[in-house]
N, C-alpha and C. Protein backbone atom coordinates (compact mmCIF):
# COMPACT_ATOMS: atom_id res chain seq x y z
N MET A 1 98.29 81.43 88.26
CA MET A 1 98.01 82.84 88.46
C MET A 1 97.20 83.33 87.26
N PRO A 2 96.11 84.04 87.52
CA PRO A 2 95.30 84.56 86.41
C PRO A 2 96.11 85.46 85.49
N GLN A 3 95.65 85.48 84.25
CA GLN A 3 96.34 86.25 83.23
C GLN A 3 96.40 87.74 83.61
N GLY A 4 97.57 88.30 83.64
CA GLY A 4 97.74 89.73 83.86
C GLY A 4 98.03 90.14 85.29
N ASP A 5 97.98 89.23 86.25
CA ASP A 5 98.25 89.62 87.63
C ASP A 5 99.70 90.04 87.83
N TYR A 6 100.60 89.52 87.03
CA TYR A 6 101.99 89.89 87.17
C TYR A 6 102.22 91.33 86.76
N PHE A 7 101.36 91.88 85.90
CA PHE A 7 101.49 93.30 85.55
C PHE A 7 101.16 94.19 86.74
N ILE A 8 100.25 93.74 87.59
CA ILE A 8 99.94 94.48 88.80
C ILE A 8 101.16 94.49 89.72
N LEU A 9 101.81 93.34 89.87
CA LEU A 9 103.02 93.29 90.68
C LEU A 9 104.11 94.19 90.12
N MET A 10 104.27 94.18 88.81
CA MET A 10 105.29 95.03 88.20
C MET A 10 104.95 96.51 88.39
N GLY A 11 103.68 96.86 88.31
CA GLY A 11 103.28 98.25 88.53
C GLY A 11 103.50 98.70 89.95
N VAL A 12 103.16 97.84 90.92
CA VAL A 12 103.37 98.17 92.33
C VAL A 12 104.87 98.28 92.62
N GLY A 13 105.65 97.39 92.06
CA GLY A 13 107.11 97.45 92.24
C GLY A 13 107.69 98.73 91.67
N GLY A 14 107.24 99.12 90.49
CA GLY A 14 107.70 100.36 89.90
C GLY A 14 107.29 101.58 90.72
N LEU A 15 106.07 101.54 91.26
CA LEU A 15 105.59 102.64 92.10
C LEU A 15 106.45 102.78 93.36
N PHE A 16 106.75 101.65 94.01
CA PHE A 16 107.61 101.69 95.19
C PHE A 16 109.01 102.18 94.84
N LEU A 17 109.50 101.78 93.69
CA LEU A 17 110.83 102.20 93.26
C LEU A 17 110.88 103.72 93.06
N VAL A 18 109.89 104.26 92.38
CA VAL A 18 109.84 105.71 92.16
C VAL A 18 109.64 106.44 93.48
N LEU A 19 108.74 105.93 94.32
CA LEU A 19 108.50 106.56 95.62
C LEU A 19 109.77 106.56 96.47
N GLY A 20 110.49 105.46 96.46
CA GLY A 20 111.74 105.37 97.22
C GLY A 20 112.78 106.36 96.74
N LEU A 21 112.90 106.52 95.41
CA LEU A 21 113.86 107.48 94.87
C LEU A 21 113.48 108.91 95.25
N VAL A 22 112.18 109.23 95.18
CA VAL A 22 111.73 110.58 95.54
C VAL A 22 112.01 110.87 97.01
N VAL A 23 111.70 109.92 97.88
CA VAL A 23 111.91 110.13 99.32
C VAL A 23 113.40 110.22 99.63
N PHE A 24 114.22 109.41 98.99
CA PHE A 24 115.66 109.47 99.22
C PHE A 24 116.24 110.82 98.80
N ILE A 25 115.83 111.30 97.63
CA ILE A 25 116.30 112.60 97.16
C ILE A 25 115.81 113.71 98.08
N TRP A 26 114.58 113.61 98.55
CA TRP A 26 114.04 114.59 99.50
C TRP A 26 114.89 114.62 100.77
N GLY A 27 115.27 113.45 101.28
CA GLY A 27 116.12 113.37 102.46
C GLY A 27 117.49 114.00 102.24
N LYS A 28 118.08 113.76 101.08
CA LYS A 28 119.38 114.36 100.78
C LYS A 28 119.28 115.88 100.73
N ARG A 29 118.20 116.40 100.13
CA ARG A 29 118.03 117.85 100.04
C ARG A 29 117.76 118.46 101.41
N GLU A 30 116.98 117.78 102.26
CA GLU A 30 116.73 118.28 103.61
C GLU A 30 118.03 118.33 104.42
N GLU A 31 118.84 117.28 104.29
CA GLU A 31 120.11 117.24 105.00
C GLU A 31 121.03 118.37 104.55
N LYS A 32 121.12 118.57 103.24
CA LYS A 32 121.96 119.64 102.71
C LYS A 32 121.45 121.01 103.17
N GLY A 33 120.15 121.22 103.11
CA GLY A 33 119.58 122.49 103.54
C GLY A 33 119.80 122.74 105.02
N TYR A 34 119.69 121.70 105.83
CA TYR A 34 119.88 121.81 107.27
C TYR A 34 121.32 122.22 107.61
N PHE A 35 122.27 121.54 107.01
CA PHE A 35 123.67 121.84 107.31
C PHE A 35 124.12 123.15 106.68
N ASP A 36 123.56 123.51 105.53
CA ASP A 36 123.89 124.81 104.94
C ASP A 36 123.35 125.95 105.79
N THR A 37 122.19 125.77 106.38
CA THR A 37 121.61 126.78 107.26
C THR A 37 122.49 126.98 108.49
N ILE A 38 122.96 125.90 109.05
CA ILE A 38 123.83 126.01 110.23
C ILE A 38 125.13 126.71 109.89
N ALA A 39 125.70 126.39 108.72
CA ALA A 39 126.99 126.96 108.34
C ALA A 39 126.90 128.45 108.00
N THR A 40 125.78 128.89 107.45
CA THR A 40 125.70 130.28 106.99
C THR A 40 125.03 131.21 107.99
N TYR A 41 124.21 130.70 108.86
CA TYR A 41 123.45 131.55 109.78
C TYR A 41 123.93 131.28 111.20
N THR A 42 124.98 131.96 111.59
CA THR A 42 125.62 131.66 112.87
C THR A 42 125.10 132.49 114.03
N ARG A 43 124.29 133.52 113.79
CA ARG A 43 123.79 134.35 114.88
C ARG A 43 122.88 133.57 115.82
N ASP A 44 122.09 132.68 115.26
CA ASP A 44 121.12 131.96 116.07
C ASP A 44 121.24 130.47 115.78
N LEU A 45 121.73 129.74 116.73
CA LEU A 45 121.86 128.29 116.55
C LEU A 45 120.69 127.53 117.18
N ARG A 46 119.57 128.25 117.35
CA ARG A 46 118.40 127.62 117.97
C ARG A 46 117.93 126.40 117.18
N GLU A 47 117.98 126.51 115.85
CA GLU A 47 117.53 125.38 115.04
C GLU A 47 118.41 124.16 115.27
N PHE A 48 119.70 124.38 115.44
CA PHE A 48 120.61 123.26 115.68
C PHE A 48 120.47 122.70 117.08
N MET A 49 120.36 123.57 118.07
CA MET A 49 120.31 123.12 119.46
C MET A 49 118.94 122.56 119.86
N ASN A 50 117.87 123.24 119.48
CA ASN A 50 116.52 122.85 119.91
C ASN A 50 115.74 122.12 118.84
N HIS A 51 116.29 122.02 117.63
CA HIS A 51 115.59 121.41 116.49
C HIS A 51 114.25 122.10 116.25
N TRP A 52 114.29 123.44 116.32
CA TRP A 52 113.09 124.22 116.05
C TRP A 52 113.42 125.23 114.98
N PRO A 53 112.69 125.41 113.94
CA PRO A 53 111.41 124.80 113.62
C PRO A 53 111.57 123.33 113.20
N GLN A 54 110.52 122.59 113.41
CA GLN A 54 110.56 121.16 113.12
C GLN A 54 110.75 120.92 111.62
N ARG A 55 111.58 119.96 111.30
CA ARG A 55 111.80 119.51 109.93
C ARG A 55 111.75 118.00 109.91
N PRO A 56 111.45 117.43 108.75
CA PRO A 56 111.56 115.97 108.65
C PRO A 56 113.01 115.55 108.89
N GLN A 57 113.20 114.46 109.58
CA GLN A 57 114.55 113.99 109.86
C GLN A 57 115.16 113.43 108.57
N PRO A 58 116.28 114.00 108.10
CA PRO A 58 116.85 113.54 106.84
C PRO A 58 117.31 112.09 106.87
N GLY A 59 117.81 111.64 108.01
CA GLY A 59 118.25 110.25 108.09
C GLY A 59 117.09 109.28 107.95
N ALA A 60 115.96 109.62 108.55
CA ALA A 60 114.78 108.76 108.45
C ALA A 60 114.25 108.74 107.02
N LEU A 61 114.28 109.88 106.35
CA LEU A 61 113.83 109.92 104.97
C LEU A 61 114.73 109.08 104.07
N LYS A 62 116.03 109.16 104.28
CA LYS A 62 116.95 108.39 103.45
C LYS A 62 116.80 106.89 103.70
N VAL A 63 116.65 106.48 104.96
CA VAL A 63 116.47 105.05 105.27
C VAL A 63 115.14 104.56 104.70
N GLY A 64 114.09 105.36 104.85
CA GLY A 64 112.80 104.99 104.27
C GLY A 64 112.87 104.87 102.76
N GLY A 65 113.64 105.74 102.14
CA GLY A 65 113.83 105.65 100.69
C GLY A 65 114.52 104.37 100.28
N TRP A 66 115.58 104.00 101.03
CA TRP A 66 116.28 102.74 100.71
C TRP A 66 115.37 101.53 100.91
N ILE A 67 114.55 101.56 101.95
CA ILE A 67 113.62 100.44 102.19
C ILE A 67 112.61 100.34 101.05
N ALA A 68 112.06 101.48 100.64
CA ALA A 68 111.08 101.47 99.55
C ALA A 68 111.72 101.02 98.24
N ILE A 69 112.97 101.41 98.00
CA ILE A 69 113.66 100.97 96.79
C ILE A 69 113.87 99.46 96.82
N ALA A 70 114.28 98.92 97.97
CA ALA A 70 114.50 97.48 98.08
C ALA A 70 113.20 96.71 97.88
N ILE A 71 112.12 97.16 98.50
CA ILE A 71 110.83 96.50 98.32
C ILE A 71 110.38 96.59 96.88
N GLY A 72 110.55 97.77 96.27
CA GLY A 72 110.16 97.95 94.88
C GLY A 72 110.92 97.02 93.94
N LEU A 73 112.23 96.89 94.17
CA LEU A 73 113.03 96.00 93.32
C LEU A 73 112.60 94.54 93.49
N LEU A 74 112.32 94.13 94.73
CA LEU A 74 111.89 92.75 94.96
C LEU A 74 110.54 92.46 94.30
N VAL A 75 109.59 93.36 94.46
CA VAL A 75 108.26 93.14 93.89
C VAL A 75 108.33 93.21 92.36
N LEU A 76 109.12 94.14 91.84
CA LEU A 76 109.28 94.23 90.39
C LEU A 76 109.94 92.98 89.82
N ALA A 77 110.97 92.47 90.49
CA ALA A 77 111.63 91.24 90.04
C ALA A 77 110.69 90.05 90.11
N THR A 78 109.86 89.99 91.14
CA THR A 78 108.88 88.91 91.25
C THR A 78 107.88 88.98 90.10
N GLY A 79 107.39 90.17 89.80
CA GLY A 79 106.45 90.33 88.68
C GLY A 79 107.07 89.95 87.35
N VAL A 80 108.31 90.35 87.12
CA VAL A 80 108.99 90.00 85.86
C VAL A 80 109.22 88.49 85.79
N ALA A 81 109.62 87.87 86.90
CA ALA A 81 109.85 86.43 86.91
C ALA A 81 108.55 85.67 86.62
N LEU A 82 107.46 86.08 87.23
CA LEU A 82 106.18 85.41 86.98
C LEU A 82 105.71 85.63 85.54
N TRP A 83 105.96 86.82 85.00
CA TRP A 83 105.58 87.10 83.63
C TRP A 83 106.38 86.22 82.66
N LEU A 84 107.70 86.11 82.89
CA LEU A 84 108.53 85.26 82.02
C LEU A 84 108.16 83.80 82.17
N TRP A 85 107.84 83.38 83.41
CA TRP A 85 107.44 81.99 83.63
C TRP A 85 106.14 81.68 82.90
N ALA A 86 105.18 82.59 82.98
CA ALA A 86 103.90 82.38 82.28
C ALA A 86 104.08 82.42 80.77
N LYS A 87 104.98 83.24 80.29
CA LYS A 87 105.18 83.39 78.86
C LYS A 87 105.84 82.16 78.25
N TYR A 88 106.83 81.60 78.95
CA TYR A 88 107.59 80.50 78.36
C TYR A 88 107.17 79.10 78.83
N SER A 89 106.27 79.02 79.82
CA SER A 89 105.85 77.69 80.28
C SER A 89 104.64 77.18 79.51
N ALA A 90 103.95 78.04 78.83
CA ALA A 90 102.73 77.60 78.13
C ALA A 90 102.99 77.13 76.75
């Protein structure tokens, strides 16, 4: 592997890790906001019954966040392993 390519893998892994954490936190906040709205605003349950106005689905955001975190950890671990292998094999 050419010199420095493992740093690209580590950067991409870190980016996916940060992106996954942001999306997961966004999903948790959407879920909390959705259920707090239902609990406090009882005159109109249209949002609960018809899902209007449209919101991002909190479950999908949380699952997407977990997937991005898993991919980020795998790519980051691969980059670190290749970096250590290149460092100590030469």
